[in-house]
PDB file of N, CA and C in Angstrom:
ATOM      1  N   ARG A   1     -22.452 -20.176   8.595  1.00  0.00           N
ATOM      2  CA  ARG A   1     -22.068 -19.795   7.243  1.00  0.00           C
ATOM      3  C   ARG A   1     -20.930 -18.789   7.302  1.00  0.00           C
ATOM      4  N   THR A   2     -19.907 -19.007   6.504  1.00  0.00           N
ATOM      5  CA  THR A   2     -18.736 -18.133   6.468  1.00  0.00           C
ATOM      6  C   THR A   2     -18.966 -16.989   5.492  1.00  0.00           C
ATOM      7  N   VAL A   3     -18.601 -15.791   5.931  1.00  0.00           N
ATOM      8  CA  VAL A   3     -18.722 -14.614   5.082  1.00  0.00           C
ATOM      9  C   VAL A   3     -17.396 -14.416   4.343  1.00  0.00           C
ATOM     10  N   GLN A   4     -17.481 -14.269   3.041  1.00  0.00           N
ATOM     11  CA  GLN A   4     -16.292 -14.028   2.232  1.00  0.00           C
ATOM     12  C   GLN A   4     -15.897 -12.561   2.351  1.00  0.00           C
ATOM     13  N   ILE A   5     -14.678 -12.313   2.780  1.00  0.00           N
ATOM     14  CA  ILE A   5     -14.166 -10.950   2.863  1.00  0.00           C
ATOM     15  C   ILE A   5     -13.757 -10.507   1.469  1.00  0.00           C
ATOM     16  N   LYS A   6     -14.145  -9.289   1.119  1.00  0.00           N
ATOM     17  CA  LYS A   6     -13.806  -8.750  -0.201  1.00  0.00           C
ATOM     18  C   LYS A   6     -12.662  -7.760  -0.068  1.00  0.00           C
ATOM     19  N   PRO A   7     -11.722  -7.769  -1.016  1.00  0.00           N
ATOM     20  CA  PRO A   7     -10.591  -6.839  -0.962  1.00  0.00           C
ATOM     21  C   PRO A   7     -11.007  -5.414  -1.338  1.00  0.00           C
ATOM     22  N   SER A   8     -10.040  -4.538  -1.405  1.00  0.00           N
ATOM     23  CA  SER A   8     -10.296  -3.122  -1.682  1.00  0.00           C
ATOM     24  C   SER A   8     -10.606  -2.838  -3.150  1.00  0.00           C
ATOM     25  N   PHE A   9     -10.441  -3.820  -4.013  1.00  0.00           N
ATOM     26  CA  PHE A   9     -10.687  -3.630  -5.444  1.00  0.00           C
ATOM     27  C   PHE A   9     -11.812  -4.554  -5.888  1.00  0.00           C
ATOM     28  N   ASN A  10     -12.324  -4.318  -7.072  1.00  0.00           N
ATOM     29  CA  ASN A  10     -13.458  -5.070  -7.604  1.00  0.00           C
ATOM     30  C   ASN A  10     -12.986  -6.380  -8.229  1.00  0.00           C
ATOM     31  N   CYS A  11     -13.320  -7.475  -7.599  1.00  0.00           N
ATOM     32  CA  CYS A  11     -12.895  -8.796  -8.093  1.00  0.00           C
ATOM     33  C   CYS A  11     -13.568  -9.179  -9.408  1.00  0.00           C
ATOM     34  N   ALA A  12     -14.687  -8.566  -9.718  1.00  0.00           N
ATOM     35  CA  ALA A  12     -15.419  -8.922 -10.941  1.00  0.00           C
ATOM     36  C   ALA A  12     -14.708  -8.459 -12.201  1.00  0.00           C
ATOM     37  N   ILE A  13     -13.808  -7.495 -12.084  1.00  0.00           N
ATOM     38  CA  ILE A  13     -13.169  -6.954 -13.291  1.00  0.00           C
ATOM     39  C   ILE A  13     -11.661  -7.167 -13.321  1.00  0.00           C
ATOM     40  N   THR A  14     -11.132  -7.954 -12.414  1.00  0.00           N
ATOM     41  CA  THR A  14      -9.690  -8.166 -12.397  1.00  0.00           C
ATOM     42  C   THR A  14      -9.266  -9.240 -13.387  1.00  0.00           C
ATOM     43  N   GLY A  15      -8.127  -9.015 -14.000  1.00  0.00           N
ATOM     44  CA  GLY A  15      -7.569 -10.014 -14.896  1.00  0.00           C
ATOM     45  C   GLY A  15      -6.198 -10.479 -14.441  1.00  0.00           C
ATOM     46  N   LEU A  16      -5.683  -9.860 -13.394  1.00  0.00           N
ATOM     47  CA  LEU A  16      -4.335 -10.182 -12.915  1.00  0.00           C
ATOM     48  C   LEU A  16      -4.360 -11.406 -12.012  1.00  0.00           C
ATOM     49  N   SER A  17      -3.392 -12.295 -12.191  1.00  0.00           N
ATOM     50  CA  SER A  17      -3.380 -13.523 -11.386  1.00  0.00           C
ATOM     51  C   SER A  17      -3.203 -13.211  -9.906  1.00  0.00           C
ATOM     52  N   ALA A  18      -2.398 -12.205  -9.556  1.00  0.00           N
ATOM     53  CA  ALA A  18      -2.219 -11.850  -8.152  1.00  0.00           C
ATOM     54  C   ALA A  18      -3.542 -11.398  -7.542  1.00  0.00           C
ATOM     55  N   GLU A  19      -4.296 -10.608  -8.264  1.00  0.00           N
ATOM     56  CA  GLU A  19      -5.584 -10.143  -7.763  1.00  0.00           C
ATOM     57  C   GLU A  19      -6.588 -11.290  -7.662  1.00  0.00           C
ATOM     58  N   ARG A  20      -6.536 -12.232  -8.592  1.00  0.00           N
ATOM     59  CA  ARG A  20      -7.431 -13.393  -8.508  1.00  0.00           C
ATOM     60  C   ARG A  20      -7.120 -14.221  -7.257  1.00  0.00           C
ATOM     61  N   LEU A  21      -5.817 -14.343  -6.924  1.00  0.00           N
ATOM     62  CA  LEU A  21      -5.436 -15.059  -5.705  1.00  0.00           C
ATOM     63  C   LEU A  21      -5.990 -14.344  -4.473  1.00  0.00           C
ATOM     64  N   ILE A  22      -5.913 -13.021  -4.458  1.00  0.00           N
ATOM     65  CA  ILE A  22      -6.423 -12.240  -3.329  1.00  0.00           C
ATOM     66  C   ILE A  22      -7.936 -12.394  -3.231  1.00  0.00           C
ATOM     67  N   CYS A  23      -8.613 -12.343  -4.358  1.00  0.00           N
ATOM     68  CA  CYS A  23     -10.080 -12.478  -4.371  1.00  0.00           C
ATOM     69  C   CYS A  23     -10.527 -13.852  -3.877  1.00  0.00           C
ATOM     70  N   GLY A  24      -9.693 -14.856  -4.047  1.00  0.00           N
ATOM     71  CA  GLY A  24     -10.045 -16.212  -3.647  1.00  0.00           C
ATOM     72  C   GLY A  24      -9.690 -16.568  -2.223  1.00  0.00           C
ATOM     73  N   SER A  25      -9.135 -15.624  -1.479  1.00  0.00           N
ATOM     74  CA  SER A  25      -8.685 -15.915  -0.119  1.00  0.00           C
ATOM     75  C   SER A  25      -9.160 -14.823   0.839  1.00  0.00           C
ATOM     76  N   SER A  26      -9.945 -15.212   1.823  1.00  0.00           N
ATOM     77  CA  SER A  26     -10.395 -14.239   2.824  1.00  0.00           C
ATOM     78  C   SER A  26      -9.214 -13.650   3.594  1.00  0.00           C
ATOM     79  N   GLU A  27      -8.211 -14.481   3.855  1.00  0.00           N
ATOM     80  CA  GLU A  27      -7.023 -13.995   4.581  1.00  0.00           C
ATOM     81  C   GLU A  27      -6.292 -12.917   3.776  1.00  0.00           C
ATOM     82  N   LEU A  28      -6.087 -13.171   2.489  1.00  0.00           N
ATOM     83  CA  LEU A  28      -5.404 -12.180   1.647  1.00  0.00           C
ATOM     84  C   LEU A  28      -6.282 -10.956   1.409  1.00  0.00           C
ATOM     85  N   ALA A  29      -7.590 -11.161   1.290  1.00  0.00           N
ATOM     86  CA  ALA A  29      -8.503 -10.024   1.112  1.00  0.00           C
ATOM     87  C   ALA A  29      -8.467  -9.127   2.349  1.00  0.00           C
ATOM     88  N   ALA A  30      -8.437  -9.732   3.532  1.00  0.00           N
ATOM     89  CA  ALA A  30      -8.349  -8.947   4.768  1.00  0.00           C
ATOM     90  C   ALA A  30      -7.029  -8.183   4.829  1.00  0.00           C
ATOM     91  N   LEU A  31      -5.954  -8.809   4.391  1.00  0.00           N
ATOM     92  CA  LEU A  31      -4.655  -8.142   4.344  1.00  0.00           C
ATOM     93  C   LEU A  31      -4.683  -6.988   3.347  1.00  0.00           C
ATOM     94  N   ASP A  32      -5.360  -7.188   2.231  1.00  0.00           N
ATOM     95  CA  ASP A  32      -5.494  -6.122   1.238  1.00  0.00           C
ATOM     96  C   ASP A  32      -6.267  -4.935   1.823  1.00  0.00           C
ATOM     97  N   LEU A  33      -7.336  -5.209   2.565  1.00  0.00           N
ATOM     98  CA  LEU A  33      -8.103  -4.134   3.201  1.00  0.00           C
ATOM     99  C   LEU A  33      -7.255  -3.386   4.224  1.00  0.00           C
ATOM    100  N   GLU A  34      -6.469  -4.135   4.980  1.00  0.00           N
ATOM    101  CA  GLU A  34      -5.576  -3.506   5.964  1.00  0.00           C
ATOM    102  C   GLU A  34      -4.556  -2.606   5.265  1.00  0.00           C
ATOM    103  N   LEU A  35      -4.006  -3.089   4.164  1.00  0.00           N
ATOM    104  CA  LEU A  35      -3.040  -2.284   3.424  1.00  0.00           C
ATOM    105  C   LEU A  35      -3.700  -1.034   2.848  1.00  0.00           C
ATOM    106  N   ALA A  36      -4.902  -1.159   2.315  1.00  0.00           N
ATOM    107  CA  ALA A  36      -5.605  -0.005   1.748  1.00  0.00           C
ATOM    108  C   ALA A  36      -5.849   1.055   2.823  1.00  0.00           C
ATOM    109  N   GLU A  37      -6.245   0.628   4.014  1.00  0.00           N
ATOM    110  CA  GLU A  37      -6.476   1.572   5.106  1.00  0.00           C
ATOM    111  C   GLU A  37      -5.160   2.227   5.543  1.00  0.00           C
ATOM    112  N   THR A  38      -4.113   1.453   5.633  1.00  0.00           N
ATOM    113  CA  THR A  38      -2.804   1.977   6.035  1.00  0.00           C
ATOM    114  C   THR A  38      -2.278   2.940   4.982  1.00  0.00           C
ATOM    115  N   TYR A  39      -2.481   2.625   3.725  1.00  0.00           N
ATOM    116  CA  TYR A  39      -2.061   3.501   2.631  1.00  0.00           C
ATOM    117  C   TYR A  39      -2.803   4.838   2.697  1.00  0.00           C
ATOM    118  N   ARG A  40      -4.111   4.792   2.956  1.00  0.00           N
ATOM    119  CA  ARG A  40      -4.880   6.040   3.101  1.00  0.00           C
ATOM    120  C   ARG A  40      -4.304   6.896   4.229  1.00  0.00           C
ATOM    121  N   GLY A  41      -3.938   6.262   5.324  1.00  0.00           N
ATOM    122  CA  GLY A  41      -3.331   6.993   6.436  1.00  0.00           C
ATOM    123  C   GLY A  41      -1.997   7.603   6.045  1.00  0.00           C
ATOM    124  N   ALA A  42      -1.205   6.858   5.291  1.00  0.00           N
ATOM    125  CA  ALA A  42       0.092   7.369   4.840  1.00  0.00           C
ATOM    126  C   ALA A  42      -0.093   8.538   3.875  1.00  0.00           C
ATOM    127  N   LEU A  43      -1.116   8.467   3.023  1.00  0.00           N
ATOM    128  CA  LEU A  43      -1.404   9.588   2.123  1.00  0.00           C
ATOM    129  C   LEU A  43      -1.754  10.844   2.930  1.00  0.00           C
ATOM    130  N   GLY A  44      -2.512  10.660   3.998  1.00  0.00           N
ATOM    131  CA  GLY A  44      -2.835  11.787   4.873  1.00  0.00           C
ATOM    132  C   GLY A  44      -1.590  12.373   5.502  1.00  0.00           C
ATOM    133  N   ARG A  45      -0.678  11.499   5.923  1.00  0.00           N
ATOM    134  CA  ARG A  45       0.597  11.957   6.503  1.00  0.00           C
ATOM    135  C   ARG A  45       1.405  12.718   5.464  1.00  0.00           C
ATOM    136  N   ALA A  46       1.419  12.238   4.236  1.00  0.00           N
ATOM    137  CA  ALA A  46       2.163  12.923   3.168  1.00  0.00           C
ATOM    138  C   ALA A  46       1.588  14.315   2.920  1.00  0.00           C
ATOM    139  N   LYS A  47       0.263  14.420   2.929  1.00  0.00           N
ATOM    140  CA  LYS A  47      -0.367  15.739   2.750  1.00  0.00           C
ATOM    141  C   LYS A  47       0.027  16.682   3.877  1.00  0.00           C
ATOM    142  N   MET A  48       0.024  16.167   5.104  1.00  0.00           N
ATOM    143  CA  MET A  48       0.418  16.992   6.245  1.00  0.00           C
ATOM    144  C   MET A  48       1.868  17.442   6.104  1.00  0.00           C
ATOM    145  N   TYR A  49       2.728  16.523   5.680  1.00  0.00           N
ATOM    146  CA  TYR A  49       4.140  16.857   5.487  1.00  0.00           C
ATOM    147  C   TYR A  49       4.281  17.952   4.429  1.00  0.00           C
ATOM    148  N   ASP A  50       3.569  17.815   3.319  1.00  0.00           N
ATOM    149  CA  ASP A  50       3.627  18.822   2.259  1.00  0.00           C
ATOM    150  C   ASP A  50       3.181  20.191   2.775  1.00  0.00           C
ATOM    151  N   ARG A  51       2.100  20.216   3.553  1.00  0.00           N
ATOM    152  CA  ARG A  51       1.619  21.496   4.090  1.00  0.00           C
ATOM    153  C   ARG A  51       2.621  22.122   5.047  1.00  0.00           C
ATOM    154  N   LYS A  52       3.266  21.291   5.855  1.00  0.00           N
ATOM    155  CA  LYS A  52       4.174  21.801   6.885  1.00  0.00           C
ATOM    156  C   LYS A  52       5.518  22.222   6.320  1.00  0.00           C
ATOM    157  N   TYR A  53       6.076  21.431   5.395  1.00  0.00           N
ATOM    158  CA  TYR A  53       7.452  21.649   4.960  1.00  0.00           C
ATOM    159  C   TYR A  53       7.589  22.116   3.512  1.00  0.00           C
ATOM    160  N   GLY A  54       6.559  21.972   2.720  1.00  0.00           N
ATOM    161  CA  GLY A  54       6.668  22.321   1.306  1.00  0.00           C
ATOM    162  C   GLY A  54       6.255  23.752   1.046  1.00  0.00           C
ATOM    163  N   PRO A  55       6.546  24.217  -0.161  1.00  0.00           N
ATOM    164  CA  PRO A  55       6.045  25.539  -0.543  1.00  0.00           C
ATOM    165  C   PRO A  55       4.521  25.484  -0.673  1.00  0.00           C
ATOM    166  N   PRO A  56       3.858  26.643  -0.758  1.00  0.00           N
ATOM    167  CA  PRO A  56       2.397  26.640  -0.907  1.00  0.00           C
ATOM    168  C   PRO A  56       1.949  25.728  -2.054  1.00  0.00           C
ATOM    169  N   SER A  57       0.896  24.990  -1.805  1.00  0.00           N
ATOM    170  CA  SER A  57       0.307  24.055  -2.782  1.00  0.00           C
ATOM    171  C   SER A  57       1.228  22.899  -3.150  1.00  0.00           C
ATOM    172  N   SER A  58       2.254  22.645  -2.351  1.00  0.00           N
ATOM    173  CA  SER A  58       3.166  21.532  -2.633  1.00  0.00           C
ATOM    174  C   SER A  58       2.443  20.196  -2.459  1.00  0.00           C
ATOM    175  N   GLN A  59       2.742  19.266  -3.359  1.00  0.00           N
ATOM    176  CA  GLN A  59       2.214  17.906  -3.256  1.00  0.00           C
ATOM    177  C   GLN A  59       3.329  16.891  -3.504  1.00  0.00           C
ATOM    178  N   VAL A  60       4.557  17.288  -3.242  1.00  0.00           N
ATOM    179  CA  VAL A  60       5.700  16.432  -3.573  1.00  0.00           C
ATOM    180  C   VAL A  60       5.648  15.101  -2.828  1.00  0.00           C
ATOM    181  N   ALA A  61       5.489  15.140  -1.515  1.00  0.00           N
ATOM    182  CA  ALA A  61       5.467  13.893  -0.741  1.00  0.00           C
ATOM    183  C   ALA A  61       4.270  13.034  -1.132  1.00  0.00           C
ATOM    184  N   TYR A  62       3.120  13.669  -1.317  1.00  0.00           N
ATOM    185  CA  TYR A  62       1.905  12.954  -1.707  1.00  0.00           C
ATOM    186  C   TYR A  62       2.095  12.260  -3.056  1.00  0.00           C
ATOM    187  N   ILE A  63       2.584  12.996  -4.038  1.00  0.00           N
ATOM    188  CA  ILE A  63       2.793  12.432  -5.376  1.00  0.00           C
ATOM    189  C   ILE A  63       3.838  11.326  -5.339  1.00  0.00           C
ATOM    190  N   ASN A  64       4.914  11.534  -4.567  1.00  0.00           N
ATOM    191  CA  ASN A  64       5.937  10.492  -4.444  1.00  0.00           C
ATOM    192  C   ASN A  64       5.357   9.209  -3.878  1.00  0.00           C
ATOM    193  N   LEU A  65       4.501   9.336  -2.857  1.00  0.00           N
ATOM    194  CA  LEU A  65       3.912   8.144  -2.256  1.00  0.00           C
ATOM    195  C   LEU A  65       2.987   7.436  -3.237  1.00  0.00           C
ATOM    196  N   VAL A  66       2.186   8.187  -3.981  1.00  0.00           N
ATOM    197  CA  VAL A  66       1.309   7.581  -4.993  1.00  0.00           C
ATOM    198  C   VAL A  66       2.156   6.842  -6.032  1.00  0.00           C
ATOM    199  N   GLN A  67       3.233   7.458  -6.485  1.00  0.00           N
ATOM    200  CA  GLN A  67       4.110   6.809  -7.476  1.00  0.00           C
ATOM    201  C   GLN A  67       4.769   5.565  -6.897  1.00  0.00           C
ATOM    202  N   GLU A  68       5.202   5.631  -5.634  1.00  0.00           N
ATOM    203  CA  GLU A  68       5.787   4.455  -4.974  1.00  0.00           C
ATOM    204  C   GLU A  68       4.771   3.316  -4.887  1.00  0.00           C
ATOM    205  N   GLN A  69       3.529   3.662  -4.543  1.00  0.00           N
ATOM    206  CA  GLN A  69       2.491   2.627  -4.433  1.00  0.00           C
ATOM    207  C   GLN A  69       2.224   1.983  -5.794  1.00  0.00           C
ATOM    208  N   ASN A  70       2.123   2.798  -6.830  1.00  0.00           N
ATOM    209  CA  ASN A  70       1.908   2.246  -8.172  1.00  0.00           C
ATOM    210  C   ASN A  70       3.068   1.364  -8.598  1.00  0.00           C
ATOM    211  N   SER A  71       4.282   1.776  -8.277  1.00  0.00           N
ATOM    212  CA  SER A  71       5.462   0.969  -8.588  1.00  0.00           C
ATOM    213  C   SER A  71       5.426  -0.343  -7.805  1.00  0.00           C
ATOM    214  N   TRP A  72       5.057  -0.284  -6.538  1.00  0.00           N
ATOM    215  CA  TRP A  72       4.958  -1.493  -5.722  1.00  0.00           C
ATOM    216  C   TRP A  72       3.923  -2.453  -6.315  1.00  0.00           C
ATOM    217  N   LEU A  73       2.788  -1.918  -6.731  1.00  0.00           N
ATOM    218  CA  LEU A  73       1.767  -2.773  -7.344  1.00  0.00           C
ATOM    219  C   LEU A  73       2.309  -3.478  -8.585  1.00  0.00           C
ATOM    220  N   ARG A  74       2.932  -2.703  -9.464  1.00  0.00           N
ATOM    221  CA  ARG A  74       3.461  -3.262 -10.727  1.00  0.00           C
ATOM    222  C   ARG A  74       4.623  -4.222 -10.505  1.00  0.00           C
ATOM    223  N   ASN A  75       5.573  -3.826  -9.681  1.00  0.00           N
ATOM    224  CA  ASN A  75       6.846  -4.530  -9.597  1.00  0.00           C
ATOM    225  C   ASN A  75       6.954  -5.540  -8.468  1.00  0.00           C
ATOM    226  N   SER A  76       6.027  -5.509  -7.533  1.00  0.00           N
ATOM    227  CA  SER A  76       6.064  -6.477  -6.432  1.00  0.00           C
ATOM    228  C   SER A  76       4.795  -7.317  -6.406  1.00  0.00           C
ATOM    229  N   ARG A  77       3.683  -6.691  -6.050  1.00  0.00           N
ATOM    230  CA  ARG A  77       2.459  -7.471  -5.882  1.00  0.00           C
ATOM    231  C   ARG A  77       2.029  -8.187  -7.150  1.00  0.00           C
ATOM    232  N   ASN A  78       1.980  -7.482  -8.256  1.00  0.00           N
ATOM    233  CA  ASN A  78       1.448  -8.084  -9.487  1.00  0.00           C
ATOM    234  C   ASN A  78       2.345  -9.164 -10.073  1.00  0.00           C
ATOM    235  N   ARG A  79       3.561  -9.269  -9.610  1.00  0.00           N
ATOM    236  CA  ARG A  79       4.461 -10.334 -10.089  1.00  0.00           C
ATOM    237  C   ARG A  79       4.300 -11.627  -9.304  1.00  0.00           C
ATOM    238  N   CYS A  80       3.565 -11.560  -8.215  1.00  0.00           N
ATOM    239  CA  CYS A  80       3.374 -12.754  -7.383  1.00  0.00           C
ATOM    240  C   CYS A  80       2.513 -13.779  -8.102  1.00  0.00           C
ATOM    241  N   GLN A  81       2.908 -15.033  -7.946  1.00  0.00           N
ATOM    242  CA  GLN A  81       2.164 -16.146  -8.531  1.00  0.00           C
ATOM    243  C   GLN A  81       1.666 -17.111  -7.459  1.00  0.00           C
ATOM    244  N   SER A  82       1.874 -16.740  -6.179  1.00  0.00           N
ATOM    245  CA  SER A  82       1.425 -17.618  -5.097  1.00  0.00           C
ATOM    246  C   SER A  82       0.913 -16.776  -3.933  1.00  0.00           C
ATOM    247  N   ALA A  83       0.080 -17.409  -3.109  1.00  0.00           N
ATOM    248  CA  ALA A  83      -0.442 -16.728  -1.926  1.00  0.00           C
ATOM    249  C   ALA A  83       0.684 -16.359  -0.966  1.00  0.00           C
ATOM    250  N   ASP A  84       1.688 -17.220  -0.839  1.00  0.00           N
ATOM    251  CA  ASP A  84       2.822 -16.921   0.055  1.00  0.00           C
ATOM    252  C   ASP A  84       3.563 -15.674  -0.393  1.00  0.00           C
ATOM    253  N   CYS A  85       3.761 -15.524  -1.677  1.00  0.00           N
ATOM    254  CA  CYS A  85       4.428 -14.346  -2.218  1.00  0.00           C
ATOM    255  C   CYS A  85       3.610 -13.096  -1.908  1.00  0.00           C
ATOM    256  N   ILE A  86       2.307 -13.164  -2.143  1.00  0.00           N
ATOM    257  CA  ILE A  86       1.444 -12.013  -1.880  1.00  0.00           C
ATOM    258  C   ILE A  86       1.491 -11.652  -0.405  1.00  0.00           C
ATOM    259  N   PHE A  87       1.399 -12.648   0.448  1.00  0.00           N
ATOM    260  CA  PHE A  87       1.449 -12.400   1.884  1.00  0.00           C
ATOM    261  C   PHE A  87       2.745 -11.679   2.252  1.00  0.00           C
ATOM    262  N   ASP A  88       3.873 -12.150   1.732  1.00  0.00           N
ATOM    263  CA  ASP A  88       5.173 -11.545   2.052  1.00  0.00           C
ATOM    264  C   ASP A  88       5.289 -10.110   1.553  1.00  0.00           C
ATOM    265  N   VAL A  89       4.892  -9.857   0.304  1.00  0.00           N
ATOM    266  CA  VAL A  89       5.030  -8.488  -0.220  1.00  0.00           C
ATOM    267  C   VAL A  89       4.057  -7.542   0.480  1.00  0.00           C
ATOM    268  N   TYR A  90       2.895  -8.038   0.870  1.00  0.00           N
ATOM    269  CA  TYR A  90       1.960  -7.202   1.620  1.00  0.00           C
ATOM    270  C   TYR A  90       2.510  -6.881   3.004  1.00  0.00           C
ATOM    271  N   GLN A  91       3.084  -7.853   3.669  1.00  0.00           N
ATOM    272  CA  GLN A  91       3.664  -7.598   4.995  1.00  0.00           C
ATOM    273  C   GLN A  91       4.779  -6.559   4.904  1.00  0.00           C
ATOM    274  N   ASN A  92       5.642  -6.698   3.899  1.00  0.00           N
ATOM    275  CA  ASN A  92       6.727  -5.724   3.722  1.00  0.00           C
ATOM    276  C   ASN A  92       6.177  -4.328   3.452  1.00  0.00           C
ATOM    277  N   ARG A  93       5.161  -4.235   2.614  1.00  0.00           N
ATOM    278  CA  ARG A  93       4.590  -2.928   2.287  1.00  0.00           C
ATOM    279  C   ARG A  93       3.878  -2.331   3.498  1.00  0.00           C
ATOM    280  N   LEU A  94       3.161  -3.152   4.252  1.00  0.00           N
ATOM    281  CA  LEU A  94       2.522  -2.670   5.471  1.00  0.00           C
ATOM    282  C   LEU A  94       3.549  -2.124   6.453  1.00  0.00           C
ATOM    283  N   ASP A  95       4.650  -2.836   6.622  1.00  0.00           N
ATOM    284  CA  ASP A  95       5.717  -2.360   7.511  1.00  0.00           C
ATOM    285  C   ASP A  95       6.208  -0.988   7.056  1.00  0.00           C
ATOM    286  N   TYR A  96       6.447  -0.851   5.768  1.00  0.00           N
ATOM    287  CA  TYR A  96       6.916   0.417   5.214  1.00  0.00           C
ATOM    288  C   TYR A  96       5.900   1.532   5.454  1.00  0.00           C
ATOM    289  N   LEU A  97       4.643   1.282   5.138  1.00  0.00           N
ATOM    290  CA  LEU A  97       3.621   2.321   5.273  1.00  0.00           C
ATOM    291  C   LEU A  97       3.384   2.697   6.732  1.00  0.00           C
ATOM    292  N   ARG A  98       3.509   1.745   7.635  1.00  0.00           N
ATOM    293  CA  ARG A  98       3.374   2.058   9.066  1.00  0.00           C
ATOM    294  C   ARG A  98       4.511   2.959   9.525  1.00  0.00           C
ATOM    295  N   ARG A  99       5.722   2.649   9.092  1.00  0.00           N
ATOM    296  CA  ARG A  99       6.854   3.521   9.424  1.00  0.00           C
ATOM    297  C   ARG A  99       6.654   4.903   8.820  1.00  0.00           C
ATOM    298  N   TYR A 100       6.113   4.955   7.637  1.00  0.00           N
ATOM    299  CA  TYR A 100       5.852   6.224   6.958  1.00  0.00           C
ATOM    300  C   TYR A 100       4.902   7.081   7.797  1.00  0.00           C
ATOM    301  N   GLN A 101       3.880   6.465   8.341  1.00  0.00           N
ATOM    302  CA  GLN A 101       2.913   7.188   9.158  1.00  0.00           C
ATOM    303  C   GLN A 101       3.497   7.636  10.489  1.00  0.00           C
ATOM    304  N   GLN A 102       4.466   6.924  10.985  1.00  0.00           N
ATOM    305  CA  GLN A 102       5.068   7.251  12.274  1.00  0.00           C
ATOM    306  C   GLN A 102       6.225   8.228  12.117  1.00  0.00           C
ATOM    307  N   TYR A 103       6.130   9.033  11.106  1.00  0.00           N
ATOM    308  CA  TYR A 103       7.147  10.018  10.805  1.00  0.00           C
ATOM    309  C   TYR A 103       7.527  10.829  12.041  1.00  0.00           C
ATOM    310  N   LYS A 104       8.849  10.958  12.215  1.00  0.00           N
ATOM    311  CA  LYS A 104       9.386  11.821  13.252  1.00  0.00           C
ATOM    312  C   LYS A 104      10.461  12.681  12.609  1.00  0.00           C
ATOM    313  N   GLN A 105      10.711  13.809  13.170  1.00  0.00           N
ATOM    314  CA  GLN A 105      11.746  14.695  12.632  1.00  0.00           C
ATOM    315  C   GLN A 105      13.052  13.914  12.466  1.00  0.00           C
ATOM    316  N   GLY A 106      13.646  14.002  11.292  1.00  0.00           N
ATOM    317  CA  GLY A 106      14.895  13.305  11.031  1.00  0.00           C
ATOM    318  C   GLY A 106      14.720  11.910  10.469  1.00  0.00           C
ATOM    319  N   PHE A 107      13.510  11.341  10.576  1.00  0.00           N
ATOM    320  CA  PHE A 107      13.271   9.982  10.105  1.00  0.00           C
ATOM    321  C   PHE A 107      12.851   9.974   8.656  1.00  0.00           C
ATOM    322  N   TRP A 108      12.296  11.084   8.174  1.00  0.00           N
ATOM    323  CA  TRP A 108      11.717  11.153   6.833  1.00  0.00           C
ATOM    324  C   TRP A 108      12.646  10.649   5.748  1.00  0.00           C
ATOM    325  N   GLY A 109      13.910  11.084   5.761  1.00  0.00           N
ATOM    326  CA  GLY A 109      14.838  10.722   4.696  1.00  0.00           C
ATOM    327  C   GLY A 109      15.185   9.252   4.627  1.00  0.00           C
ATOM    328  N   ASP A 110      14.935   8.496   5.712  1.00  0.00           N
ATOM    329  CA  ASP A 110      15.275   7.077   5.743  1.00  0.00           C
ATOM    330  C   ASP A 110      14.206   6.198   5.114  1.00  0.00           C
ATOM    331  N   LEU A 111      13.108   6.785   4.663  1.00  0.00           N
ATOM    332  CA  LEU A 111      11.974   5.982   4.206  1.00  0.00           C
ATOM    333  C   LEU A 111      11.990   5.623   2.754  1.00  0.00           C
ATOM    334  N   HIS A 112      12.840   6.192   1.960  1.00  0.00           N
ATOM    335  CA  HIS A 112      12.715   6.015   0.516  1.00  0.00           C
ATOM    336  C   HIS A 112      13.447   4.795  -0.001  1.00  0.00           C
ATOM    337  N   GLN A 113      13.152   3.653   0.581  1.00  0.00           N
ATOM    338  CA  GLN A 113      13.601   2.394   0.019  1.00  0.00           C
ATOM    339  C   GLN A 113      12.381   1.723  -0.577  1.00  0.00           C
ATOM    340  N   ASP A 114      12.562   1.055  -1.667  1.00  0.00           N
ATOM    341  CA  ASP A 114      11.424   0.511  -2.402  1.00  0.00           C
ATOM    342  C   ASP A 114      11.153  -0.914  -1.948  1.00  0.00           C
ATOM    343  N   PHE A 115       9.927  -1.165  -1.513  1.00  0.00           N
ATOM    344  CA  PHE A 115       9.533  -2.526  -1.148  1.00  0.00           C
ATOM    345  C   PHE A 115       8.699  -3.104  -2.246  1.00  0.00           C
TER     346      PHE A 115
END
C-alpha cells in the first residue's frame, strides 16, 4: 500500500488550483515539504544575520525574506496551472533558498533577485 505524502499546508481547506495540484501528487507534496524545511532554515539564517549585522532588535533580513516568500507564493507558485510549472518554480525557489542559507561575507547583496 502506498502512503500519500502530505504537503506543508492543509489540503482540506485549500481553494487554489496550484495547491490542489500539490495535494494530488506525492512528488509535489514531497517537494513542498523540502521547500518548507529549506525556508525555515533560511529564516534562521536571516535571524542570525540580523543579530550579527543589524542594530539591536533588527528584523530587516527576516522580514524581507518573509515578504519575498509571500511574493513568490502569490506571483509564482499560485499562478501555476500545471504540475510541470509547480515543479519548475519550486526548484528555482529551492535553489534560491539554499544559496541564501550558504551566506558568505560579500555574497549577501547578490541574493535579492526574485524567483
